[in-house]
């Protein structure tokens, strides 16, 4: 995991602890990165098996 993926993962974990699934605008604000950079990092985390996407409930699973 590179630094940005680690930061993104930590933000997602922290938000999920409070019962909230982060939105793209929130992730952009918290990371200072573009939509494309966030999307690529999220896809990498999913490919690595660190995150998964629940299509039915539209949420990221840790």
PDB file of N, CA and C in Angstrom:
ATOM      1  N   UNK A   1       0.853  -1.165   0.000  1.00  0.00           N
ATOM      2  CA  UNK A   1       0.000   0.000   0.000  1.00  0.00           C
ATOM      3  C   UNK A   1       0.907   1.239   0.000  1.00  0.00           C
ATOM      4  N   UNK A   2       0.657   2.147  -0.929  1.00  0.00           N
ATOM      5  CA  UNK A   2       1.445   3.375  -0.915  1.00  0.00           C
ATOM      6  C   UNK A   2       0.855   4.368   0.101  1.00  0.00           C
ATOM      7  N   UNK A   3       1.519   5.497   0.281  1.00  0.00           N
ATOM      8  CA  UNK A   3       1.097   6.466   1.300  1.00  0.00           C
ATOM      9  C   UNK A   3      -0.332   6.956   1.089  1.00  0.00           C
ATOM     10  N   UNK A   4      -0.681   7.265  -0.169  1.00  0.00           N
ATOM     11  CA  UNK A   4      -2.025   7.775  -0.420  1.00  0.00           C
ATOM     12  C   UNK A   4      -3.083   6.707  -0.175  1.00  0.00           C
ATOM     13  N   UNK A   5      -2.812   5.479  -0.599  1.00  0.00           N
ATOM     14  CA  UNK A   5      -3.772   4.397  -0.354  1.00  0.00           C
ATOM     15  C   UNK A   5      -3.958   4.181   1.144  1.00  0.00           C
ATOM     16  N   UNK A   6      -2.867   4.255   1.892  1.00  0.00           N
ATOM     17  CA  UNK A   6      -2.945   4.098   3.347  1.00  0.00           C
ATOM     18  C   UNK A   6      -3.779   5.223   3.967  1.00  0.00           C
ATOM     19  N   UNK A   7      -3.569   6.457   3.498  1.00  0.00           N
ATOM     20  CA  UNK A   7      -4.331   7.604   4.009  1.00  0.00           C
ATOM     21  C   UNK A   7      -5.812   7.449   3.675  1.00  0.00           C
ATOM     22  N   UNK A   8      -6.110   7.083   2.436  1.00  0.00           N
ATOM     23  CA  UNK A   8      -7.491   6.896   2.006  1.00  0.00           C
ATOM     24  C   UNK A   8      -8.162   5.793   2.820  1.00  0.00           C
ATOM     25  N   UNK A   9      -7.457   4.686   3.007  1.00  0.00           N
ATOM     26  CA  UNK A   9      -7.988   3.571   3.790  1.00  0.00           C
ATOM     27  C   UNK A   9      -8.296   4.025   5.219  1.00  0.00           C
ATOM     28  N   UNK A  10      -7.383   4.768   5.829  1.00  0.00           N
ATOM     29  CA  UNK A  10      -7.587   5.222   7.209  1.00  0.00           C
ATOM     30  C   UNK A  10      -8.788   6.158   7.316  1.00  0.00           C
ATOM     31  N   UNK A  11      -8.967   7.030   6.329  1.00  0.00           N
ATOM     32  CA  UNK A  11     -10.133   7.926   6.324  1.00  0.00           C
ATOM     33  C   UNK A  11     -11.417   7.108   6.236  1.00  0.00           C
ATOM     34  N   UNK A  12     -11.428   6.119   5.348  1.00  0.00           N
ATOM     35  CA  UNK A  12     -12.620   5.277   5.181  1.00  0.00           C
ATOM     36  C   UNK A  12     -12.908   4.506   6.467  1.00  0.00           C
ATOM     37  N   UNK A  13     -11.885   3.924   7.078  1.00  0.00           N
ATOM     38  CA  UNK A  13     -12.064   3.178   8.330  1.00  0.00           C
ATOM     39  C   UNK A  13     -12.625   4.087   9.417  1.00  0.00           C
ATOM     40  N   UNK A  14     -12.035   5.263   9.583  1.00  0.00           N
ATOM     41  CA  UNK A  14     -12.495   6.183  10.624  1.00  0.00           C
ATOM     42  C   UNK A  14     -13.939   6.612  10.400  1.00  0.00           C
ATOM     43  N   UNK A  15     -14.316   6.882   9.169  1.00  0.00           N
ATOM     44  CA  UNK A  15     -15.694   7.298   8.902  1.00  0.00           C
ATOM     45  C   UNK A  15     -16.660   6.144   9.123  1.00  0.00           C
ATOM     46  N   UNK A  16     -16.237   4.922   8.755  1.00  0.00           N
ATOM     47  CA  UNK A  16     -17.105   3.759   8.950  1.00  0.00           C
ATOM     48  C   UNK A  16     -17.317   3.457  10.435  1.00  0.00           C
ATOM     49  N   UNK A  17     -16.328   3.769  11.258  1.00  0.00           N
ATOM     50  CA  UNK A  17     -16.489   3.566  12.704  1.00  0.00           C
ATOM     51  C   UNK A  17     -17.646   4.389  13.261  1.00  0.00           C
ATOM     52  N   UNK A  18     -17.933   5.504  12.608  1.00  0.00           N
ATOM     53  CA  UNK A  18     -19.052   6.355  13.024  1.00  0.00           C
ATOM     54  C   UNK A  18     -20.313   6.084  12.205  1.00  0.00           C
ATOM     55  N   UNK A  19     -20.316   4.967  11.482  1.00  0.00           N
ATOM     56  CA  UNK A  19     -21.515   4.544  10.755  1.00  0.00           C
ATOM     57  C   UNK A  19     -21.779   5.316   9.485  1.00  0.00           C
ATOM     58  N   UNK A  20     -20.759   5.925   8.912  1.00  0.00           N
ATOM     59  CA  UNK A  20     -20.954   6.726   7.717  1.00  0.00           C
ATOM     60  C   UNK A  20     -20.087   6.204   6.588  1.00  0.00           C
ATOM     61  N   UNK A  21     -20.668   6.091   5.404  1.00  0.00           N
ATOM     62  CA  UNK A  21     -19.915   5.730   4.221  1.00  0.00           C
ATOM     63  C   UNK A  21     -19.467   7.032   3.555  1.00  0.00           C
ATOM     64  N   UNK A  22     -18.173   7.261   3.393  1.00  0.00           N
ATOM     65  CA  UNK A  22     -17.705   8.547   2.870  1.00  0.00           C
ATOM     66  C   UNK A  22     -18.141   8.778   1.428  1.00  0.00           C
ATOM     67  N   UNK A  23     -18.471  10.026   1.114  1.00  0.00           N
ATOM     68  CA  UNK A  23     -18.827  10.401  -0.246  1.00  0.00           C
ATOM     69  C   UNK A  23     -17.584  10.897  -0.968  1.00  0.00           C
ATOM     70  N   UNK A  24     -17.665  10.962  -2.275  1.00  0.00           N
ATOM     71  CA  UNK A  24     -16.535  11.434  -3.061  1.00  0.00           C
ATOM     72  C   UNK A  24     -16.155  12.874  -2.706  1.00  0.00           C
ATOM     73  N   UNK A  25     -17.117  13.798  -2.573  1.00  0.00           N
ATOM     74  CA  UNK A  25     -16.731  15.157  -2.168  1.00  0.00           C
ATOM     75  C   UNK A  25     -16.017  15.200  -0.810  1.00  0.00           C
ATOM     76  N   UNK A  26     -16.452  14.364   0.133  1.00  0.00           N
ATOM     77  CA  UNK A  26     -15.779  14.311   1.437  1.00  0.00           C
ATOM     78  C   UNK A  26     -14.346  13.800   1.293  1.00  0.00           C
ATOM     79  N   UNK A  27     -14.162  12.773   0.474  1.00  0.00           N
ATOM     80  CA  UNK A  27     -12.826  12.225   0.269  1.00  0.00           C
ATOM     81  C   UNK A  27     -11.929  13.230  -0.441  1.00  0.00           C
ATOM     82  N   UNK A  28     -12.487  13.967  -1.392  1.00  0.00           N
ATOM     83  CA  UNK A  28     -11.707  14.996  -2.090  1.00  0.00           C
ATOM     84  C   UNK A  28     -11.260  16.075  -1.113  1.00  0.00           C
ATOM     85  N   UNK A  29     -12.155  16.476  -0.235  1.00  0.00           N
ATOM     86  CA  UNK A  29     -11.836  17.521   0.744  1.00  0.00           C
ATOM     87  C   UNK A  29     -10.804  17.034   1.755  1.00  0.00           C
ATOM     88  N   UNK A  30     -10.960  15.811   2.234  1.00  0.00           N
ATOM     89  CA  UNK A  30     -10.070  15.291   3.276  1.00  0.00           C
ATOM     90  C   UNK A  30      -8.687  14.914   2.743  1.00  0.00           C
ATOM     91  N   UNK A  31      -8.602  14.511   1.460  1.00  0.00           N
ATOM     92  CA  UNK A  31      -7.316  14.089   0.909  1.00  0.00           C
ATOM     93  C   UNK A  31      -6.627  15.178   0.098  1.00  0.00           C
ATOM     94  N   UNK A  32      -7.409  16.092  -0.447  1.00  0.00           N
ATOM     95  CA  UNK A  32      -6.839  17.112  -1.318  1.00  0.00           C
ATOM     96  C   UNK A  32      -6.483  16.568  -2.691  1.00  0.00           C
ATOM     97  N   UNK A  33      -7.012  15.404  -3.030  1.00  0.00           N
ATOM     98  CA  UNK A  33      -6.710  14.753  -4.312  1.00  0.00           C
ATOM     99  C   UNK A  33      -7.903  14.856  -5.254  1.00  0.00           C
ATOM    100  N   UNK A  34      -7.649  14.581  -6.532  1.00  0.00           N
ATOM    101  CA  UNK A  34      -8.700  14.642  -7.543  1.00  0.00           C
ATOM    102  C   UNK A  34      -9.566  13.380  -7.506  1.00  0.00           C
ATOM    103  N   UNK A  35     -10.694  13.472  -8.180  1.00  0.00           N
ATOM    104  CA  UNK A  35     -11.604  12.334  -8.274  1.00  0.00           C
ATOM    105  C   UNK A  35     -10.909  11.140  -8.913  1.00  0.00           C
ATOM    106  N   UNK A  36     -10.112  11.385  -9.939  1.00  0.00           N
ATOM    107  CA  UNK A  36      -9.410  10.310 -10.633  1.00  0.00           C
ATOM    108  C   UNK A  36      -8.399   9.626  -9.715  1.00  0.00           C
ATOM    109  N   UNK A  37      -7.645  10.400  -8.932  1.00  0.00           N
ATOM    110  CA  UNK A  37      -6.657   9.823  -8.016  1.00  0.00           C
ATOM    111  C   UNK A  37      -7.330   8.978  -6.938  1.00  0.00           C
ATOM    112  N   UNK A  38      -8.456   9.463  -6.419  1.00  0.00           N
ATOM    113  CA  UNK A  38      -9.204   8.725  -5.400  1.00  0.00           C
ATOM    114  C   UNK A  38      -9.767   7.435  -5.994  1.00  0.00           C
ATOM    115  N   UNK A  39     -10.301   7.523  -7.193  1.00  0.00           N
ATOM    116  CA  UNK A  39     -10.866   6.359  -7.863  1.00  0.00           C
ATOM    117  C   UNK A  39      -9.798   5.291  -8.103  1.00  0.00           C
ATOM    118  N   UNK A  40      -8.639   5.693  -8.586  1.00  0.00           N
ATOM    119  CA  UNK A  40      -7.559   4.745  -8.839  1.00  0.00           C
ATOM    120  C   UNK A  40      -7.084   4.078  -7.551  1.00  0.00           C
ATOM    121  N   UNK A  41      -6.920   4.858  -6.490  1.00  0.00           N
ATOM    122  CA  UNK A  41      -6.469   4.307  -5.211  1.00  0.00           C
ATOM    123  C   UNK A  41      -7.510   3.348  -4.639  1.00  0.00           C
ATOM    124  N   UNK A  42      -8.788   3.704  -4.753  1.00  0.00           N
ATOM    125  CA  UNK A  42      -9.860   2.836  -4.260  1.00  0.00           C
ATOM    126  C   UNK A  42      -9.882   1.523  -5.034  1.00  0.00           C
ATOM    127  N   UNK A  43      -9.755   1.604  -6.354  1.00  0.00           N
ATOM    128  CA  UNK A  43      -9.727   0.389  -7.177  1.00  0.00           C
ATOM    129  C   UNK A  43      -8.539  -0.489  -6.797  1.00  0.00           C
ATOM    130  N   UNK A  44      -7.387   0.126  -6.539  1.00  0.00           N
ATOM    131  CA  UNK A  44      -6.215  -0.649  -6.114  1.00  0.00           C
ATOM    132  C   UNK A  44      -6.473  -1.360  -4.793  1.00  0.00           C
ATOM    133  N   UNK A  45      -7.113  -0.670  -3.849  1.00  0.00           N
ATOM    134  CA  UNK A  45      -7.424  -1.279  -2.552  1.00  0.00           C
ATOM    135  C   UNK A  45      -8.409  -2.440  -2.715  1.00  0.00           C
ATOM    136  N   UNK A  46      -9.348  -2.306  -3.635  1.00  0.00           N
ATOM    137  CA  UNK A  46     -10.309  -3.385  -3.895  1.00  0.00           C
ATOM    138  C   UNK A  46      -9.592  -4.559  -4.552  1.00  0.00           C
ATOM    139  N   UNK A  47      -8.712  -4.279  -5.532  1.00  0.00           N
ATOM    140  CA  UNK A  47      -7.957  -5.352  -6.197  1.00  0.00           C
ATOM    141  C   UNK A  47      -7.070  -6.112  -5.216  1.00  0.00           C
ATOM    142  N   UNK A  48      -6.511  -5.396  -4.248  1.00  0.00           N
ATOM    143  CA  UNK A  48      -5.635  -6.023  -3.257  1.00  0.00           C
ATOM    144  C   UNK A  48      -6.426  -6.778  -2.190  1.00  0.00           C
ATOM    145  N   UNK A  49      -7.761  -6.630  -2.202  1.00  0.00           N
ATOM    146  CA  UNK A  49      -8.598  -7.333  -1.240  1.00  0.00           C
ATOM    147  C   UNK A  49      -8.709  -6.630   0.104  1.00  0.00           C
ATOM    148  N   UNK A  50      -8.235  -5.393   0.182  1.00  0.00           N
ATOM    149  CA  UNK A  50      -8.284  -4.639   1.438  1.00  0.00           C
ATOM    150  C   UNK A  50      -9.681  -4.056   1.651  1.00  0.00           C
ATOM    151  N   UNK A  51     -10.307  -3.625   0.572  1.00  0.00           N
ATOM    152  CA  UNK A  51     -11.686  -3.130   0.596  1.00  0.00           C
ATOM    153  C   UNK A  51     -12.516  -3.987  -0.345  1.00  0.00           C
ATOM    154  N   UNK A  52     -13.824  -3.974  -0.135  1.00  0.00           N
ATOM    155  CA  UNK A  52     -14.733  -4.619  -1.089  1.00  0.00           C
ATOM    156  C   UNK A  52     -15.958  -3.724  -1.239  1.00  0.00           C
ATOM    157  N   UNK A  53     -16.621  -3.858  -2.381  1.00  0.00           N
ATOM    158  CA  UNK A  53     -17.789  -3.038  -2.681  1.00  0.00           C
ATOM    159  C   UNK A  53     -19.030  -3.903  -2.605  1.00  0.00           C
ATOM    160  N   UNK A  54     -19.974  -3.491  -1.782  1.00  0.00           N
ATOM    161  CA  UNK A  54     -21.256  -4.192  -1.660  1.00  0.00           C
ATOM    162  C   UNK A  54     -22.228  -3.525  -2.626  1.00  0.00           C
ATOM    163  N   UNK A  55     -22.459  -4.165  -3.772  1.00  0.00           N
ATOM    164  CA  UNK A  55     -23.315  -3.576  -4.810  1.00  0.00           C
ATOM    165  C   UNK A  55     -24.746  -3.403  -4.333  1.00  0.00           C
ATOM    166  N   UNK A  56     -25.214  -4.357  -3.555  1.00  0.00           N
ATOM    167  CA  UNK A  56     -26.610  -4.314  -3.105  1.00  0.00           C
ATOM    168  C   UNK A  56     -26.863  -3.105  -2.205  1.00  0.00           C
ATOM    169  N   UNK A  57     -25.975  -2.877  -1.239  1.00  0.00           N
ATOM    170  CA  UNK A  57     -26.163  -1.782  -0.279  1.00  0.00           C
ATOM    171  C   UNK A  57     -25.408  -0.518  -0.649  1.00  0.00           C
ATOM    172  N   UNK A  58     -24.618  -0.575  -1.736  1.00  0.00           N
ATOM    173  CA  UNK A  58     -23.858   0.574  -2.217  1.00  0.00           C
ATOM    174  C   UNK A  58     -22.922   1.143  -1.159  1.00  0.00           C
ATOM    175  N   UNK A  59     -22.157   0.245  -0.496  1.00  0.00           N
ATOM    176  CA  UNK A  59     -21.195   0.686   0.526  1.00  0.00           C
ATOM    177  C   UNK A  59     -19.874  -0.060   0.359  1.00  0.00           C
ATOM    178  N   UNK A  60     -18.813   0.567   0.869  1.00  0.00           N
ATOM    179  CA  UNK A  60     -17.508  -0.083   0.917  1.00  0.00           C
ATOM    180  C   UNK A  60     -17.432  -0.903   2.205  1.00  0.00           C
ATOM    181  N   UNK A  61     -16.921  -2.120   2.081  1.00  0.00           N
ATOM    182  CA  UNK A  61     -16.714  -2.970   3.241  1.00  0.00           C
ATOM    183  C   UNK A  61     -15.226  -3.044   3.540  1.00  0.00           C
ATOM    184  N   UNK A  62     -14.914  -3.068   4.806  1.00  0.00           N
ATOM    185  CA  UNK A  62     -13.517  -3.112   5.242  1.00  0.00           C
ATOM    186  C   UNK A  62     -13.167  -4.542   5.576  1.00  0.00           C
TER     187      UNK A  62
END
